[in-house]
Amino acid sequence: QILYQKPPWTLADLLQCYKKHWVAVFGFLVPRSLLSTIECLSEHLCSGKTVDLSTACVLLQESKKLLHAFSSRSDYNGVLPRAYAEVNKLHQTLTEVRAALASQDLSEDIMVLSENAACEKMEATTPSPQNCEEKKLHPSFHVAQENRYQEIWSVLEGVWNTINLYSIEIFQKLDPSAGTVTSKSLFEEAYLGLQKLLAAVNDIHEGICR
């Protein structure tokens, strides 16, 4: 009788009702801090804006929190467990998609760096270096978690070995006791290679933070 918006509801109507009656009703049923979840869902799902993968994962996680909170009150004739299962399934799928895309991007970065002529030269003259192209990732959504860890490790190892090879080359050329003259082009080539590697490492760092 006192609802802000009468049924039938759209998602926007439902979220508006949550916000309008939060203090008087819903805040007594679930933790009041979940109002931020309601506002987050309303802002992103009812604005008409396109949602990217990262935001979609956040919204699904927030939805799971909300459904879980209401589950302590009732299962709502079995509707809530089914809804939670579907949201959880979608969240897991998007998480796997994001992991696969991130692994693919990192793999492509390393492959591009490995094609650099200076890198190939240093790999040929340094004992047992890690080949930048040795590991090519082919992620799928159903790869076992342990295999994904190994793939991520191989990418990080490839980046580290390439940085190490460039650094050895540069410091050898800067050593005054070596008595050799280094051409400007080789210095520039190594410097540009390190800049590319720096960008790749920054991308890895951002991915880990996410």
N, C-alpha and C. Protein backbone atom coordinates (compact mmCIF):
# COMPACT_ATOMS: atom_id res chain seq x y z
N GLN A 1 0.81 -1.22 0.00
CA GLN A 1 0.00 0.00 0.00
C GLN A 1 0.84 1.27 0.00
N ILE A 2 2.05 1.18 0.51
CA ILE A 2 2.87 2.39 0.61
C ILE A 2 4.10 2.34 -0.31
N LEU A 3 4.13 1.37 -1.20
CA LEU A 3 5.30 1.24 -2.07
C LEU A 3 5.49 2.48 -2.95
N TYR A 4 6.77 2.85 -3.12
CA TYR A 4 7.11 3.99 -3.98
C TYR A 4 6.71 3.72 -5.42
N GLN A 5 6.87 2.47 -5.85
CA GLN A 5 6.54 2.08 -7.23
C GLN A 5 5.75 0.77 -7.18
N LYS A 6 4.54 0.76 -7.77
CA LYS A 6 3.71 -0.43 -7.75
C LYS A 6 4.20 -1.44 -8.79
N PRO A 7 4.01 -2.75 -8.53
CA PRO A 7 4.36 -3.75 -9.54
C PRO A 7 3.36 -3.71 -10.69
N PRO A 8 3.71 -4.26 -11.85
CA PRO A 8 4.97 -5.00 -12.13
C PRO A 8 6.17 -4.06 -12.25
N TRP A 9 7.34 -4.56 -11.86
CA TRP A 9 8.54 -3.74 -11.81
C TRP A 9 9.50 -4.04 -12.96
N THR A 10 10.17 -2.99 -13.40
CA THR A 10 11.39 -3.18 -14.19
C THR A 10 12.54 -3.23 -13.19
N LEU A 11 13.72 -3.53 -13.68
CA LEU A 11 14.88 -3.54 -12.77
C LEU A 11 15.09 -2.17 -12.16
N ALA A 12 14.95 -1.12 -12.98
CA ALA A 12 15.12 0.25 -12.49
C ALA A 12 14.09 0.56 -11.40
N ASP A 13 12.83 0.12 -11.59
CA ASP A 13 11.79 0.34 -10.59
C ASP A 13 12.15 -0.35 -9.28
N LEU A 14 12.61 -1.57 -9.40
CA LEU A 14 12.94 -2.36 -8.22
C LEU A 14 14.06 -1.71 -7.41
N LEU A 15 15.10 -1.26 -8.11
CA LEU A 15 16.23 -0.63 -7.41
C LEU A 15 15.81 0.70 -6.80
N GLN A 16 14.90 1.42 -7.46
CA GLN A 16 14.37 2.66 -6.89
C GLN A 16 13.59 2.38 -5.60
N CYS A 17 12.81 1.32 -5.60
CA CYS A 17 12.06 0.93 -4.40
C CYS A 17 13.01 0.59 -3.26
N TYR A 18 14.08 -0.14 -3.58
CA TYR A 18 15.09 -0.46 -2.56
C TYR A 18 15.61 0.82 -1.92
N LYS A 19 16.03 1.76 -2.75
CA LYS A 19 16.61 3.01 -2.23
C LYS A 19 15.60 3.83 -1.44
N LYS A 20 14.37 3.91 -1.95
CA LYS A 20 13.34 4.74 -1.33
C LYS A 20 12.94 4.20 0.04
N HIS A 21 12.89 2.89 0.18
CA HIS A 21 12.42 2.27 1.42
C HIS A 21 13.55 1.63 2.23
N TRP A 22 14.79 2.01 1.93
CA TRP A 22 15.93 1.36 2.57
C TRP A 22 15.95 1.60 4.08
N VAL A 23 15.80 2.83 4.49
CA VAL A 23 15.89 3.16 5.92
C VAL A 23 14.75 2.54 6.70
N ALA A 24 13.54 2.61 6.14
CA ALA A 24 12.36 2.16 6.89
C ALA A 24 12.14 0.65 6.83
N VAL A 25 12.61 0.00 5.76
CA VAL A 25 12.28 -1.42 5.60
C VAL A 25 13.54 -2.28 5.41
N PHE A 26 14.18 -2.13 4.27
CA PHE A 26 15.22 -3.08 3.89
C PHE A 26 16.46 -3.01 4.77
N GLY A 27 16.72 -1.83 5.32
CA GLY A 27 17.87 -1.69 6.22
C GLY A 27 17.73 -2.49 7.49
N PHE A 28 16.50 -2.93 7.83
CA PHE A 28 16.28 -3.77 9.00
C PHE A 28 16.40 -5.26 8.66
N LEU A 29 16.36 -5.59 7.37
CA LEU A 29 16.41 -6.99 6.95
C LEU A 29 17.82 -7.45 6.60
N VAL A 30 18.60 -6.54 6.01
CA VAL A 30 19.97 -6.85 5.60
C VAL A 30 20.87 -5.73 6.11
N PRO A 31 22.19 -5.95 6.11
CA PRO A 31 23.11 -4.90 6.58
C PRO A 31 22.88 -3.58 5.83
N ARG A 32 22.86 -2.48 6.57
CA ARG A 32 22.60 -1.17 5.96
C ARG A 32 23.68 -0.76 4.97
N SER A 33 24.89 -1.30 5.16
CA SER A 33 26.00 -0.96 4.25
C SER A 33 25.74 -1.41 2.82
N LEU A 34 24.79 -2.34 2.64
CA LEU A 34 24.49 -2.82 1.29
C LEU A 34 23.76 -1.79 0.44
N LEU A 35 23.41 -0.65 1.02
CA LEU A 35 22.83 0.42 0.23
C LEU A 35 23.79 0.85 -0.88
N SER A 36 25.10 0.80 -0.59
CA SER A 36 26.09 1.14 -1.62
C SER A 36 26.03 0.16 -2.78
N THR A 37 25.68 -1.09 -2.49
CA THR A 37 25.52 -2.09 -3.55
C THR A 37 24.33 -1.74 -4.43
N ILE A 38 23.22 -1.34 -3.80
CA ILE A 38 22.02 -0.94 -4.55
C ILE A 38 22.34 0.24 -5.46
N GLU A 39 23.04 1.22 -4.93
CA GLU A 39 23.38 2.41 -5.71
C GLU A 39 24.33 2.08 -6.85
N CYS A 40 25.26 1.17 -6.61
CA CYS A 40 26.20 0.75 -7.66
C CYS A 40 25.45 0.06 -8.80
N LEU A 41 24.54 -0.85 -8.45
CA LEU A 41 23.77 -1.55 -9.48
C LEU A 41 22.89 -0.59 -10.27
N SER A 42 22.27 0.34 -9.55
CA SER A 42 21.39 1.31 -10.20
C SER A 42 22.16 2.21 -11.16
N GLU A 43 23.33 2.66 -10.71
CA GLU A 43 24.13 3.58 -11.52
C GLU A 43 24.59 2.95 -12.83
N HIS A 44 24.98 1.67 -12.79
CA HIS A 44 25.56 1.04 -13.96
C HIS A 44 24.55 0.29 -14.83
N LEU A 45 23.51 -0.25 -14.21
CA LEU A 45 22.57 -1.07 -14.97
C LEU A 45 21.38 -0.28 -15.52
N CYS A 46 21.14 0.89 -14.96
CA CYS A 46 19.95 1.65 -15.36
C CYS A 46 20.28 2.97 -16.04
N SER A 47 21.54 3.15 -16.40
CA SER A 47 21.96 4.41 -17.01
C SER A 47 21.97 4.34 -18.53
N GLY A 48 21.83 3.14 -19.08
CA GLY A 48 21.88 2.98 -20.53
C GLY A 48 23.28 2.95 -21.10
N LYS A 49 24.30 3.00 -20.23
CA LYS A 49 25.68 2.98 -20.70
C LYS A 49 26.15 1.54 -20.91
N THR A 50 27.12 1.38 -21.82
CA THR A 50 27.71 0.07 -22.05
C THR A 50 28.63 -0.28 -20.89
N VAL A 51 28.55 -1.52 -20.44
CA VAL A 51 29.35 -1.98 -19.31
C VAL A 51 30.47 -2.88 -19.82
N ASP A 52 31.71 -2.59 -19.43
CA ASP A 52 32.83 -3.43 -19.87
C ASP A 52 32.94 -4.68 -18.99
N LEU A 53 33.87 -5.56 -19.34
CA LEU A 53 34.01 -6.82 -18.63
C LEU A 53 34.34 -6.64 -17.16
N SER A 54 35.27 -5.73 -16.86
CA SER A 54 35.67 -5.52 -15.47
C SER A 54 34.49 -5.05 -14.63
N THR A 55 33.73 -4.07 -15.17
CA THR A 55 32.58 -3.55 -14.44
C THR A 55 31.50 -4.61 -14.29
N ALA A 56 31.31 -5.42 -15.34
CA ALA A 56 30.31 -6.49 -15.28
C ALA A 56 30.63 -7.47 -14.16
N CYS A 57 31.90 -7.81 -14.01
CA CYS A 57 32.31 -8.73 -12.94
C CYS A 57 32.02 -8.12 -11.57
N VAL A 58 32.29 -6.84 -11.43
CA VAL A 58 32.02 -6.15 -10.16
C VAL A 58 30.53 -6.16 -9.86
N LEU A 59 29.71 -5.87 -10.87
CA LEU A 59 28.26 -5.82 -10.67
C LEU A 59 27.70 -7.19 -10.31
N LEU A 60 28.23 -8.23 -10.93
CA LEU A 60 27.78 -9.58 -10.59
C LEU A 60 28.18 -9.95 -9.17
N GLN A 61 29.37 -9.54 -8.76
CA GLN A 61 29.82 -9.80 -7.39
C GLN A 61 28.94 -9.06 -6.38
N GLU A 62 28.59 -7.83 -6.70
CA GLU A 62 27.71 -7.06 -5.82
C GLU A 62 26.31 -7.69 -5.76
N SER A 63 25.84 -8.20 -6.89
CA SER A 63 24.53 -8.86 -6.92
C SER A 63 24.54 -10.10 -6.04
N LYS A 64 25.63 -10.85 -6.09
CA LYS A 64 25.75 -12.04 -5.24
C LYS A 64 25.70 -11.66 -3.76
N LYS A 65 26.36 -10.57 -3.40
CA LYS A 65 26.32 -10.12 -2.01
C LYS A 65 24.90 -9.80 -1.57
N LEU A 66 24.16 -9.13 -2.44
CA LEU A 66 22.80 -8.74 -2.11
C LEU A 66 21.90 -9.97 -1.96
N LEU A 67 21.98 -10.88 -2.91
CA LEU A 67 21.16 -12.09 -2.85
C LEU A 67 21.51 -12.94 -1.62
N HIS A 68 22.79 -13.04 -1.32
CA HIS A 68 23.22 -13.79 -0.15
C HIS A 68 22.66 -13.18 1.13
N ALA A 69 22.66 -11.85 1.19
CA ALA A 69 22.15 -11.18 2.39
C ALA A 69 20.66 -11.47 2.60
N PHE A 70 19.88 -11.44 1.52
CA PHE A 70 18.45 -11.70 1.64
C PHE A 70 18.14 -13.18 1.88
N SER A 71 19.09 -14.05 1.57
CA SER A 71 18.87 -15.49 1.78
C SER A 71 18.75 -15.83 3.27
N SER A 72 19.27 -14.95 4.14
CA SER A 72 19.16 -15.20 5.58
C SER A 72 17.73 -15.00 6.07
N ARG A 73 16.92 -14.31 5.27
CA ARG A 73 15.53 -14.07 5.64
C ARG A 73 14.61 -15.16 5.10
N SER A 74 14.79 -15.54 3.81
CA SER A 74 13.92 -16.53 3.18
C SER A 74 14.54 -16.99 1.87
N ASP A 75 14.11 -18.17 1.40
CA ASP A 75 14.55 -18.59 0.07
C ASP A 75 13.54 -18.17 -0.99
N TYR A 76 12.47 -17.49 -0.56
CA TYR A 76 11.45 -16.95 -1.47
C TYR A 76 10.95 -18.02 -2.45
N ASN A 77 10.50 -19.13 -1.84
CA ASN A 77 9.94 -20.26 -2.61
C ASN A 77 10.91 -20.81 -3.65
N GLY A 78 12.19 -20.79 -3.32
CA GLY A 78 13.19 -21.36 -4.20
C GLY A 78 13.69 -20.43 -5.30
N VAL A 79 13.07 -19.24 -5.41
CA VAL A 79 13.49 -18.31 -6.46
C VAL A 79 14.89 -17.77 -6.21
N LEU A 80 15.18 -17.44 -4.94
CA LEU A 80 16.46 -16.82 -4.62
C LEU A 80 17.64 -17.76 -4.88
N PRO A 81 17.59 -19.03 -4.45
CA PRO A 81 18.72 -19.93 -4.76
C PRO A 81 18.96 -20.10 -6.25
N ARG A 82 17.89 -20.15 -7.04
CA ARG A 82 18.05 -20.29 -8.49
C ARG A 82 18.69 -19.04 -9.08
N ALA A 83 18.23 -17.88 -8.60
CA ALA A 83 18.81 -16.62 -9.09
C ALA A 83 20.30 -16.52 -8.72
N TYR A 84 20.61 -16.91 -7.48
CA TYR A 84 22.01 -16.85 -7.03
C TYR A 84 22.88 -17.78 -7.88
N ALA A 85 22.38 -18.98 -8.17
CA ALA A 85 23.14 -19.94 -8.97
C ALA A 85 23.42 -19.40 -10.37
N GLU A 86 22.44 -18.75 -10.98
CA GLU A 86 22.63 -18.19 -12.32
C GLU A 86 23.63 -17.04 -12.31
N VAL A 87 23.50 -16.16 -11.32
CA VAL A 87 24.43 -15.02 -11.22
C VAL A 87 25.85 -15.52 -10.97
N ASN A 88 25.97 -16.52 -10.10
CA ASN A 88 27.28 -17.08 -9.80
C ASN A 88 27.90 -17.73 -11.03
N LYS A 89 27.09 -18.45 -11.80
CA LYS A 89 27.56 -19.09 -13.02
C LYS A 89 28.06 -18.05 -14.02
N LEU A 90 27.30 -16.97 -14.19
CA LEU A 90 27.70 -15.91 -15.11
C LEU A 90 28.97 -15.23 -14.65
N HIS A 91 29.09 -15.01 -13.33
CA HIS A 91 30.28 -14.38 -12.77
C HIS A 91 31.52 -15.23 -13.03
N GLN A 92 31.41 -16.54 -12.84
CA GLN A 92 32.54 -17.43 -13.08
C GLN A 92 32.95 -17.42 -14.56
N THR A 93 31.95 -17.40 -15.44
CA THR A 93 32.25 -17.38 -16.88
C THR A 93 32.99 -16.11 -17.28
N LEU A 94 32.52 -14.95 -16.79
CA LEU A 94 33.17 -13.69 -17.13
C LEU A 94 34.57 -13.62 -16.54
N THR A 95 34.76 -14.18 -15.35
CA THR A 95 36.08 -14.20 -14.73
C THR A 95 37.06 -15.00 -15.59
N GLU A 96 36.58 -16.14 -16.11
CA GLU A 96 37.43 -16.96 -16.98
C GLU A 96 37.73 -16.25 -18.30
N VAL A 97 36.74 -15.54 -18.83
CA VAL A 97 36.95 -14.78 -20.07
C VAL A 97 38.00 -13.71 -19.87
N ARG A 98 37.89 -12.96 -18.77
CA ARG A 98 38.87 -11.90 -18.48
C ARG A 98 40.27 -12.48 -18.34
N ALA A 99 40.40 -13.61 -17.61
CA ALA A 99 41.71 -14.24 -17.42
C ALA A 99 42.29 -14.68 -18.76
N ALA A 100 41.44 -15.24 -19.62
CA ALA A 100 41.91 -15.70 -20.93
C ALA A 100 42.38 -14.54 -21.79
N LEU A 101 41.60 -13.46 -21.80
CA LEU A 101 41.97 -12.29 -22.61
C LEU A 101 43.25 -11.65 -22.11
N ALA A 102 43.40 -11.56 -20.78
CA ALA A 102 44.60 -10.97 -20.19
C ALA A 102 45.83 -11.81 -20.54
N SER A 103 45.70 -13.15 -20.45
CA SER A 103 46.82 -14.03 -20.78
C SER A 103 47.19 -13.90 -22.25
N GLN A 104 46.19 -13.79 -23.11
CA GLN A 104 46.44 -13.68 -24.54
C GLN A 104 47.17 -12.38 -24.87
N ASP A 105 46.73 -11.27 -24.23
CA ASP A 105 47.38 -9.98 -24.47
C ASP A 105 48.84 -10.01 -24.04
N LEU A 106 49.11 -10.61 -22.86
CA LEU A 106 50.49 -10.67 -22.38
C LEU A 106 51.34 -11.54 -23.30
N SER A 107 50.77 -12.64 -23.76
CA SER A 107 51.51 -13.53 -24.66
C SER A 107 51.89 -12.81 -25.94
N GLU A 108 50.94 -12.02 -26.49
CA GLU A 108 51.22 -11.30 -27.73
C GLU A 108 52.30 -10.25 -27.52
N ASP A 109 52.29 -9.58 -26.35
CA ASP A 109 53.33 -8.59 -26.06
C ASP A 109 54.71 -9.23 -26.06
N ILE A 110 54.82 -10.38 -25.40
CA ILE A 110 56.11 -11.04 -25.32
C ILE A 110 56.56 -11.52 -26.70
N MET A 111 55.62 -12.02 -27.49
CA MET A 111 55.97 -12.49 -28.84
C MET A 111 56.48 -11.35 -29.70
N VAL A 112 55.89 -10.16 -29.59
CA VAL A 112 56.35 -9.01 -30.37
C VAL A 112 57.75 -8.62 -29.95
N LEU A 113 58.00 -8.64 -28.64
CA LEU A 113 59.32 -8.26 -28.14
C LEU A 113 60.37 -9.26 -28.59
N SER A 114 59.99 -10.53 -28.66
CA SER A 114 60.97 -11.56 -29.01
C SER A 114 61.42 -11.45 -30.45
N GLU A 115 60.65 -10.76 -31.28
CA GLU A 115 61.01 -10.62 -32.68
C GLU A 115 62.03 -9.50 -32.91
N ASN A 116 62.33 -8.76 -31.86
CA ASN A 116 63.30 -7.68 -31.98
C ASN A 116 64.68 -8.27 -32.31
N ALA A 117 65.37 -7.68 -33.27
CA ALA A 117 66.65 -8.23 -33.73
C ALA A 117 67.69 -8.28 -32.63
N ALA A 118 67.72 -7.25 -31.79
CA ALA A 118 68.72 -7.23 -30.72
C ALA A 118 68.49 -8.35 -29.74
N CYS A 119 67.23 -8.62 -29.46
CA CYS A 119 66.89 -9.71 -28.53
C CYS A 119 67.38 -11.03 -29.08
N GLU A 120 67.16 -11.25 -30.38
CA GLU A 120 67.58 -12.50 -30.99
C GLU A 120 69.11 -12.64 -30.95
N LYS A 121 69.80 -11.51 -31.17
CA LYS A 121 71.26 -11.55 -31.16
C LYS A 121 71.77 -11.92 -29.77
N MET A 122 71.20 -11.29 -28.73
CA MET A 122 71.65 -11.56 -27.37
C MET A 122 71.33 -12.98 -26.94
N GLU A 123 70.20 -13.50 -27.38
CA GLU A 123 69.84 -14.88 -27.04
C GLU A 123 70.83 -15.86 -27.66
N ALA A 124 71.35 -15.50 -28.82
CA ALA A 124 72.29 -16.38 -29.51
C ALA A 124 73.66 -16.38 -28.84
N THR A 125 74.03 -15.28 -28.15
CA THR A 125 75.36 -15.16 -27.57
C THR A 125 75.39 -15.36 -26.08
N THR A 126 74.23 -15.50 -25.43
CA THR A 126 74.17 -15.69 -23.98
C THR A 126 73.86 -17.15 -23.67
N PRO A 127 74.58 -17.76 -22.72
CA PRO A 127 74.36 -19.18 -22.41
C PRO A 127 72.95 -19.42 -21.88
N SER A 128 72.26 -20.37 -22.48
CA SER A 128 70.95 -20.87 -22.03
C SER A 128 69.95 -19.77 -21.70
N PRO A 129 69.72 -18.81 -22.56
CA PRO A 129 68.71 -17.79 -22.27
C PRO A 129 67.31 -18.35 -22.51
N GLN A 130 66.35 -17.75 -21.87
CA GLN A 130 64.95 -18.12 -22.11
C GLN A 130 64.48 -17.48 -23.41
N ASN A 131 64.06 -18.28 -24.35
CA ASN A 131 63.57 -17.75 -25.63
C ASN A 131 62.25 -17.05 -25.40
N CYS A 132 62.15 -15.80 -25.93
CA CYS A 132 60.93 -15.02 -25.72
C CYS A 132 59.72 -15.65 -26.37
N GLU A 133 59.96 -16.47 -27.41
CA GLU A 133 58.84 -17.08 -28.13
C GLU A 133 58.58 -18.51 -27.69
N GLU A 134 59.33 -18.96 -26.67
CA GLU A 134 59.26 -20.37 -26.30
C GLU A 134 57.87 -20.77 -25.85
N LYS A 135 57.24 -19.88 -25.09
CA LYS A 135 55.92 -20.19 -24.56
C LYS A 135 54.88 -19.35 -25.26
N LYS A 136 53.99 -19.96 -26.00
CA LYS A 136 52.85 -19.27 -26.59
C LYS A 136 51.60 -19.76 -25.89
N LEU A 137 50.85 -18.83 -25.33
CA LEU A 137 49.68 -19.21 -24.55
C LEU A 137 48.48 -19.44 -25.47
N HIS A 138 47.78 -20.50 -25.21
CA HIS A 138 46.54 -20.79 -25.91
C HIS A 138 45.47 -21.06 -24.87
N PRO A 139 45.01 -20.01 -24.16
CA PRO A 139 44.08 -20.23 -23.05
C PRO A 139 42.70 -20.60 -23.54
N SER A 140 42.02 -21.41 -22.79
CA SER A 140 40.62 -21.70 -23.04
C SER A 140 39.88 -21.51 -21.73
N PHE A 141 38.56 -21.49 -21.82
CA PHE A 141 37.78 -21.22 -20.64
C PHE A 141 37.77 -22.39 -19.65
N HIS A 142 38.23 -23.56 -20.11
CA HIS A 142 38.15 -24.74 -19.27
C HIS A 142 39.53 -25.30 -18.91
N VAL A 143 40.56 -24.46 -19.05
CA VAL A 143 41.90 -24.89 -18.67
C VAL A 143 41.97 -25.01 -17.16
N ALA A 144 42.61 -26.04 -16.67
CA ALA A 144 42.71 -26.24 -15.23
C ALA A 144 43.46 -25.08 -14.60
N GLN A 145 43.13 -24.78 -13.35
CA GLN A 145 43.72 -23.63 -12.67
C GLN A 145 45.23 -23.76 -12.58
N GLU A 146 45.72 -24.96 -12.33
CA GLU A 146 47.17 -25.15 -12.23
C GLU A 146 47.86 -24.81 -13.54
N ASN A 147 47.26 -25.20 -14.67
CA ASN A 147 47.84 -24.89 -15.97
C ASN A 147 47.88 -23.40 -16.21
N ARG A 148 46.85 -22.68 -15.79
CA ARG A 148 46.84 -21.22 -15.95
C ARG A 148 47.97 -20.59 -15.14
N TYR A 149 48.21 -21.11 -13.94
CA TYR A 149 49.31 -20.58 -13.14
C TYR A 149 50.64 -20.79 -13.86
N GLN A 150 50.82 -21.96 -14.47
CA GLN A 150 52.06 -22.23 -15.19
C GLN A 150 52.22 -21.32 -16.39
N GLU A 151 51.11 -21.03 -17.09
CA GLU A 151 51.17 -20.14 -18.25
C GLU A 151 51.53 -18.72 -17.84
N ILE A 152 50.91 -18.25 -16.76
CA ILE A 152 51.22 -16.91 -16.25
C ILE A 152 52.69 -16.84 -15.84
N TRP A 153 53.16 -17.88 -15.16
CA TRP A 153 54.56 -17.91 -14.72
C TRP A 153 55.50 -17.84 -15.91
N SER A 154 55.19 -18.57 -16.99
CA SER A 154 56.08 -18.58 -18.15
C SER A 154 56.14 -17.21 -18.81
N VAL A 155 55.01 -16.48 -18.82
CA VAL A 155 55.02 -15.12 -19.39
C VAL A 155 55.91 -14.21 -18.56
N LEU A 156 55.73 -14.25 -17.23
CA LEU A 156 56.55 -13.41 -16.35
C LEU A 156 58.03 -13.77 -16.48
N GLU A 157 58.32 -15.06 -16.60
CA GLU A 157 59.71 -15.51 -16.73
C GLU A 157 60.30 -15.01 -18.05
N GLY A 158 59.48 -15.03 -19.11
CA GLY A 158 59.97 -14.55 -20.41
C GLY A 158 60.31 -13.07 -20.36
N VAL A 159 59.45 -12.28 -19.71
CA VAL A 159 59.71 -10.85 -19.57
C VAL A 159 60.99 -10.62 -18.77
N TRP A 160 61.13 -11.34 -17.66
CA TRP A 160 62.31 -11.16 -16.81
C TRP A 160 63.60 -11.50 -17.56
N ASN A 161 63.60 -12.63 -18.27
CA ASN A 161 64.80 -13.04 -18.98
C ASN A 161 65.17 -12.05 -20.08
N THR A 162 64.17 -11.51 -20.75
CA THR A 162 64.46 -10.53 -21.81
C THR A 162 65.06 -9.26 -21.21
N ILE A 163 64.48 -8.79 -20.11
CA ILE A 163 65.03 -7.60 -19.42
C ILE A 163 66.47 -7.89 -18.99
N ASN A 164 66.70 -9.07 -18.46
CA ASN A 164 68.02 -9.44 -17.98
C ASN A 164 69.03 -9.43 -19.12
N LEU A 165 68.63 -9.98 -20.27
CA LEU A 165 69.55 -10.02 -21.42
C LEU A 165 69.89 -8.62 -21.93
N TYR A 166 68.86 -7.76 -22.04
CA TYR A 166 69.12 -6.39 -22.46
C TYR A 166 70.05 -5.69 -21.47
N SER A 167 69.79 -5.88 -20.18
CA SER A 167 70.59 -5.20 -19.16
C SER A 167 72.05 -5.63 -19.22
N ILE A 168 72.27 -6.94 -19.38
CA ILE A 168 73.65 -7.44 -19.49
C ILE A 168 74.35 -6.80 -20.68
N GLU A 169 73.67 -6.75 -21.80
CA GLU A 169 74.24 -6.17 -23.01
C GLU A 169 74.61 -4.70 -22.79
N ILE A 170 73.69 -3.95 -22.19
CA ILE A 170 73.93 -2.51 -21.99
C ILE A 170 75.09 -2.27 -21.03
N PHE A 171 75.12 -3.00 -19.89
CA PHE A 171 76.18 -2.77 -18.91
C PHE A 171 77.55 -3.22 -19.42
N GLN A 172 77.56 -4.26 -20.23
CA GLN A 172 78.83 -4.66 -20.85
C GLN A 172 79.36 -3.56 -21.76
N LYS A 173 78.47 -2.93 -22.49
CA LYS A 173 78.90 -1.88 -23.41
C LYS A 173 79.29 -0.59 -22.67
N LEU A 174 78.73 -0.40 -21.47
CA LEU A 174 79.06 0.78 -20.68
C LEU A 174 80.34 0.58 -19.85
N ASP A 175 80.83 -0.64 -19.80
CA ASP A 175 82.03 -0.95 -19.01
C ASP A 175 83.26 -0.35 -19.69
N PRO A 176 83.92 0.62 -19.04
CA PRO A 176 85.08 1.27 -19.67
C PRO A 176 86.25 0.31 -19.87
N SER A 177 86.33 -0.75 -19.06
CA SER A 177 87.46 -1.68 -19.17
C SER A 177 87.34 -2.57 -20.39
N ALA A 178 86.15 -2.57 -21.01
CA ALA A 178 85.96 -3.42 -22.18
C ALA A 178 86.76 -2.92 -23.37
N GLY A 179 86.96 -1.61 -23.46
CA GLY A 179 87.78 -1.04 -24.52
C GLY A 179 87.17 -1.14 -25.90
N THR A 180 85.85 -1.31 -25.98
CA THR A 180 85.21 -1.41 -27.29
C THR A 180 84.30 -0.21 -27.52
N VAL A 181 84.14 0.14 -28.77
CA VAL A 181 83.29 1.26 -29.13
C VAL A 181 81.93 0.71 -29.55
N THR A 182 80.88 1.20 -28.91
CA THR A 182 79.53 0.73 -29.22
C THR A 182 78.85 1.70 -30.17
N SER A 183 78.25 1.17 -31.20
CA SER A 183 77.57 2.03 -32.16
C SER A 183 76.31 2.62 -31.53
N LYS A 184 75.97 3.81 -31.97
CA LYS A 184 74.79 4.49 -31.45
C LYS A 184 73.51 3.72 -31.75
N SER A 185 73.47 3.07 -32.91
CA SER A 185 72.25 2.36 -33.30
C SER A 185 71.94 1.20 -32.35
N LEU A 186 73.00 0.48 -31.89
CA LEU A 186 72.78 -0.63 -30.97
C LEU A 186 72.25 -0.14 -29.63
N PHE A 187 72.79 0.98 -29.15
CA PHE A 187 72.29 1.56 -27.90
C PHE A 187 70.81 1.93 -28.04
N GLU A 188 70.47 2.57 -29.14
CA GLU A 188 69.08 3.00 -29.34
C GLU A 188 68.15 1.79 -29.45
N GLU A 189 68.64 0.74 -30.10
CA GLU A 189 67.85 -0.47 -30.28
C GLU A 189 67.55 -1.11 -28.92
N ALA A 190 68.58 -1.22 -28.09
CA ALA A 190 68.41 -1.80 -26.76
C ALA A 190 67.52 -0.93 -25.89
N TYR A 191 67.71 0.38 -25.99
CA TYR A 191 66.90 1.31 -25.19
C TYR A 191 65.42 1.21 -25.55
N LEU A 192 65.12 1.20 -26.85
CA LEU A 192 63.73 1.08 -27.29
C LEU A 192 63.12 -0.25 -26.86
N GLY A 193 63.94 -1.30 -26.89
CA GLY A 193 63.45 -2.60 -26.44
C GLY A 193 63.07 -2.59 -24.98
N LEU A 194 63.88 -1.92 -24.16
CA LEU A 194 63.58 -1.82 -22.73
C LEU A 194 62.31 -0.99 -22.48
N GLN A 195 62.07 0.01 -23.30
CA GLN A 195 60.85 0.81 -23.14
C GLN A 195 59.61 -0.05 -23.41
N LYS A 196 59.70 -0.92 -24.43
CA LYS A 196 58.58 -1.81 -24.72
C LYS A 196 58.35 -2.79 -23.57
N LEU A 197 59.45 -3.28 -23.02
CA LEU A 197 59.33 -4.21 -21.90
C LEU A 197 58.73 -3.53 -20.68
N LEU A 198 59.11 -2.27 -20.45
CA LEU A 198 58.56 -1.52 -19.32
C LEU A 198 57.05 -1.40 -19.43
N ALA A 199 56.57 -1.12 -20.65
CA ALA A 199 55.13 -1.03 -20.87
C ALA A 199 54.45 -2.36 -20.61
N ALA A 200 55.08 -3.46 -21.05
CA ALA A 200 54.50 -4.79 -20.84
C ALA A 200 54.43 -5.12 -19.35
N VAL A 201 55.50 -4.78 -18.61
CA VAL A 201 55.51 -5.05 -17.16
C VAL A 201 54.44 -4.22 -16.46
N ASN A 202 54.25 -2.98 -16.88
CA ASN A 202 53.19 -2.15 -16.30
C ASN A 202 51.82 -2.76 -16.53
N ASP A 203 51.60 -3.32 -17.72
CA ASP A 203 50.33 -3.98 -18.02
C ASP A 203 50.12 -5.20 -17.12
N ILE A 204 51.20 -5.96 -16.89
CA ILE A 204 51.11 -7.11 -16.00
C ILE A 204 50.76 -6.67 -14.59
N HIS A 205 51.40 -5.59 -14.14
CA HIS A 205 51.15 -5.08 -12.79
C HIS A 205 49.70 -4.63 -12.64
N GLU A 206 49.18 -3.94 -13.63
CA GLU A 206 47.79 -3.50 -13.58
C GLU A 206 46.83 -4.69 -13.56
N GLY A 207 47.16 -5.72 -14.35
CA GLY A 207 46.32 -6.91 -14.37
C GLY A 207 46.29 -7.62 -13.03
N ILE A 208 47.47 -7.71 -12.38
CA ILE A 208 47.53 -8.35 -11.06
C ILE A 208 46.73 -7.54 -10.04
N CYS A 209 46.83 -6.22 -10.10
CA CYS A 209 46.07 -5.36 -9.18
C CYS A 209 44.56 -5.55 -9.35
N ARG A 210 44.12 -5.69 -10.64
CA ARG A 210 42.69 -5.91 -10.87
C ARG A 210 42.24 -7.25 -10.31
